[in-house]
C-alpha atoms as a PDB file:
ATOM      1  CA  MET A   1     -69.655  57.306  -8.415  1.00  0.00           C
ATOM      2  CA  ILE A   2     -65.960  58.319  -8.083  1.00  0.00           C
ATOM      3  CA  LYS A   3     -65.357  62.027  -7.783  1.00  0.00           C
ATOM      4  CA  LEU A   4     -62.051  63.118  -9.399  1.00  0.00           C
ATOM      5  CA  ASN A   5     -60.047  66.012  -8.060  1.00  0.00           C
ATOM      6  CA  LYS A   6     -59.739  68.392 -11.043  1.00  0.00           C
ATOM      7  CA  ARG A   7     -57.393  70.762  -9.224  1.00  0.00           C
ATOM      8  CA  ALA A   8     -54.683  68.102  -8.762  1.00  0.00           C
ATOM      9  CA  GLN A   9     -55.005  67.036 -12.399  1.00  0.00           C
ATOM     10  CA  SER A  10     -54.514  70.572 -13.715  1.00  0.00           C
ATOM     11  CA  THR A  11     -51.502  71.081 -11.416  1.00  0.00           C
ATOM     12  CA  ALA A  12     -49.935  67.918 -12.818  1.00  0.00           C
ATOM     13  CA  GLU A  13     -50.617  69.115 -16.364  1.00  0.00           C
ATOM     14  CA  TYR A  14     -48.950  72.469 -15.635  1.00  0.00           C
ATOM     15  CA  ALA A  15     -45.933  70.668 -14.157  1.00  0.00           C
ATOM     16  CA  ILE A  16     -45.598  68.524 -17.295  1.00  0.00           C
ATOM     17  CA  VAL A  17     -45.840  71.565 -19.588  1.00  0.00           C
ATOM     18  CA  ILE A  18     -43.213  73.454 -17.562  1.00  0.00           C
ATOM     19  CA  ALA A  19     -40.891  70.417 -17.629  1.00  0.00           C
ATOM     20  CA  LEU A  20     -41.261  70.171 -21.424  1.00  0.00           C
ATOM     21  CA  VAL A  21     -40.474  73.874 -21.875  1.00  0.00           C
ATOM     22  CA  ILE A  22     -37.365  73.568 -19.686  1.00  0.00           C
ATOM     23  CA  ALA A  23     -36.220  70.443 -21.558  1.00  0.00           C
ATOM     24  CA  ALA A  24     -36.648  72.237 -24.903  1.00  0.00           C
ATOM     25  CA  ALA A  25     -34.674  75.258 -23.645  1.00  0.00           C
ATOM     26  CA  VAL A  26     -31.816  73.041 -22.439  1.00  0.00           C
ATOM     27  CA  ALA A  27     -31.757  71.141 -25.747  1.00  0.00           C
ATOM     28  CA  MET A  28     -31.702  74.367 -27.795  1.00  0.00           C
ATOM     29  CA  GLN A  29     -28.862  75.900 -25.749  1.00  0.00           C
ATOM     30  CA  VAL A  30     -26.171  74.179 -27.837  1.00  0.00           C
ATOM     31  CA  TYR A  31     -27.680  75.332 -31.132  1.00  0.00           C
ATOM     32  CA  VAL A  32     -28.108  78.924 -29.982  1.00  0.00           C
ATOM     33  CA  LYS A  33     -24.497  79.040 -28.763  1.00  0.00           C
ATOM     34  CA  ARG A  34     -23.194  77.652 -32.065  1.00  0.00           C
ATOM     35  CA  GLY A  35     -25.296  80.134 -34.012  1.00  0.00           C
ATOM     36  CA  LEU A  36     -23.888  83.080 -32.051  1.00  0.00           C
ATOM     37  CA  GLN A  37     -20.326  81.806 -32.483  1.00  0.00           C
ATOM     38  CA  ALA A  38     -20.873  81.461 -36.241  1.00  0.00           C
ATOM     39  CA  LYS A  39     -22.203  85.028 -36.400  1.00  0.00           C
ATOM     40  CA  VAL A  40     -19.127  86.380 -34.581  1.00  0.00           C
ATOM     41  CA  LYS A  41     -16.772  84.377 -36.796  1.00  0.00           C
ATOM     42  CA  GLY A  42     -18.547  85.572 -39.931  1.00  0.00           C
ATOM     43  CA  THR A  43     -18.237  89.176 -38.790  1.00  0.00           C
ATOM     44  CA  VAL A  44     -14.519  88.782 -38.104  1.00  0.00           C
ATOM     45  CA  ASP A  45     -13.846  86.963 -41.384  1.00  0.00           C
ATOM     46  CA  PHE A  46     -15.794  89.544 -43.450  1.00  0.00           C
ATOM     47  CA  ASN A  47     -13.689  92.539 -42.567  1.00  0.00           C
ATOM     48  CA  PRO A  48     -13.796  95.477 -45.020  1.00  0.00           C
ATOM     49  CA  ASP A  49     -11.470  97.570 -42.806  1.00  0.00           C
ATOM     50  CA  PRO A  50      -8.088  95.785 -42.444  1.00  0.00           C
ATOM     51  CA  THR A  51      -7.053  98.002 -39.513  1.00  0.00           C
ATOM     52  CA  VAL A  52      -9.737  96.354 -37.346  1.00  0.00           C
ATOM     53  CA  PHE A  53      -9.530  92.633 -36.495  1.00  0.00           C
ATOM     54  CA  LYS A  54      -6.186  91.880 -38.113  1.00  0.00           C
ATOM     55  CA  GLY A  55      -5.844  88.194 -38.935  1.00  0.00           C
ATOM     56  CA  LYS A  56      -8.234  85.377 -38.264  1.00  0.00           C
ATOM     57  CA  GLN A  57     -10.306  84.623 -35.202  1.00  0.00           C
ATOM     58  CA  TYR A  58      -8.510  82.840 -32.362  1.00  0.00           C
ATOM     59  CA  GLU A  59      -9.296  79.155 -32.006  1.00  0.00           C
ATOM     60  CA  PRO A  60      -8.097  77.473 -28.788  1.00  0.00           C
ATOM     61  CA  TYR A  61      -7.284  74.136 -30.429  1.00  0.00           C
ATOM     62  CA  TYR A  62      -4.710  75.831 -32.685  1.00  0.00           C
ATOM     63  CA  SER A  63      -2.483  76.792 -29.750  1.00  0.00           C
ATOM     64  CA  GLU A  64       0.259  74.713 -28.213  1.00  0.00           C
ATOM     65  CA  SER A  65       2.137  75.172 -24.969  1.00  0.00           C
ATOM     66  CA  ASN A  66       4.952  73.297 -23.280  1.00  0.00           C
ATOM     67  CA  MET A  67       5.748  74.612 -19.817  1.00  0.00           C
ATOM     68  CA  ASP A  68       7.781  73.237 -16.938  1.00  0.00           C
ATOM     69  CA  THR A  69       7.291  74.666 -13.461  1.00  0.00           C
ATOM     70  CA  THR A  70       9.326  73.963 -10.342  1.00  0.00           C
ATOM     71  CA  ARG A  71       8.674  75.039  -6.754  1.00  0.00           C
ATOM     72  CA  GLU A  72      11.330  75.079  -4.084  1.00  0.00           C
ATOM     73  CA  ALA A  73      10.557  75.828  -0.451  1.00  0.00           C
ATOM     74  CA  ARG A  74      11.560  74.637   3.002  1.00  0.00           C
ATOM     75  CA  GLU A  75       8.590  74.176   5.218  1.00  0.00           C
ATOM     76  CA  MET A  76       8.431  73.558   8.967  1.00  0.00           C
ATOM     77  CA  THR A  77       5.372  71.654  10.164  1.00  0.00           C
ATOM     78  CA  THR A  78       4.440  71.461  13.848  1.00  0.00           C
ATOM     79  CA  THR A  79       1.578  69.677  15.558  1.00  0.00           C
ATOM     80  CA  ASP A  80       0.465  70.670  19.063  1.00  0.00           C
ATOM     81  CA  LYS A  81      -1.255  68.478  21.687  1.00  0.00           C
ATOM     82  CA  SER A  82      -4.747  69.329  20.434  1.00  0.00           C
ATOM     83  CA  GLY A  83      -3.893  68.147  16.911  1.00  0.00           C
ATOM     84  CA  LYS A  84      -3.629  71.588  15.331  1.00  0.00           C
ATOM     85  CA  VAL A  85      -1.102  71.602  12.475  1.00  0.00           C
ATOM     86  CA  THR A  86       0.938  74.741  11.758  1.00  0.00           C
ATOM     87  CA  ARG A  87       3.039  75.132   8.615  1.00  0.00           C
ATOM     88  CA  ASN A  88       5.631  77.893   8.173  1.00  0.00           C
ATOM     89  CA  LEU A  89       7.949  78.588   5.241  1.00  0.00           C
ATOM     90  CA  GLU A  90      11.525  78.909   6.513  1.00  0.00           C
ATOM     91  CA  ASP A  91      12.917  80.488   3.330  1.00  0.00           C
ATOM     92  CA  PRO A  92      11.138  82.473   0.642  1.00  0.00           C
ATOM     93  CA  GLU A  93       9.431  80.292  -1.914  1.00  0.00           C
ATOM     94  CA  ILE A  94      11.071  80.084  -5.364  1.00  0.00           C
ATOM     95  CA  ILE A  95       8.888  79.339  -8.373  1.00  0.00           C
ATOM     96  CA  SER A  96      10.440  78.969 -11.820  1.00  0.00           C
ATOM     97  CA  SER A  97       8.622  78.511 -15.129  1.00  0.00           C
ATOM     98  CA  TRP A  98      10.118  78.008 -18.560  1.00  0.00           C
ATOM     99  CA  GLY A  99       8.939  76.697 -21.875  1.00  0.00           C
ATOM    100  CA  THR A 100       7.297  77.690 -25.126  1.00  0.00           C
ATOM    101  CA  GLN A 101       3.845  78.754 -26.177  1.00  0.00           C
ATOM    102  CA  THR A 102       2.746  78.947 -29.805  1.00  0.00           C
ATOM    103  CA  THR A 103      -0.480  80.236 -31.313  1.00  0.00           C
ATOM    104  CA  VAL A 104      -1.025  79.265 -34.924  1.00  0.00           C
ATOM    105  CA  ALA A 105      -3.383  81.135 -37.259  1.00  0.00           C
ATOM    106  CA  LEU A 106      -6.328  79.304 -38.763  1.00  0.00           C
ATOM    107  CA  PRO A 107      -5.496  77.369 -41.894  1.00  0.00           C
ATOM    108  CA  GLU A 108      -6.545  79.124 -45.087  1.00  0.00           C
END
């Protein structure tokens, strides 16, 4: 008669149950996050006091930006006999940025 090891079987069952609980938690993460975001948005939209939370809630896909950035620097690079590379800026670095950035309110 074959004698089965009950201890190994119960360990495997516990591992399967733990894996199912973790999988369910990962799957529910998206729904919990959306529910919390909806609650925050509802609180901001229902605003009896107009001095608090003026306007609508910020939405990142309603913003636009157009920026150009330039970097000017003179750099001196030296390599010694062991192969070590050293880089030094000869003049101060100049960084310039210009452009526009627009944030649009949510459509009514």
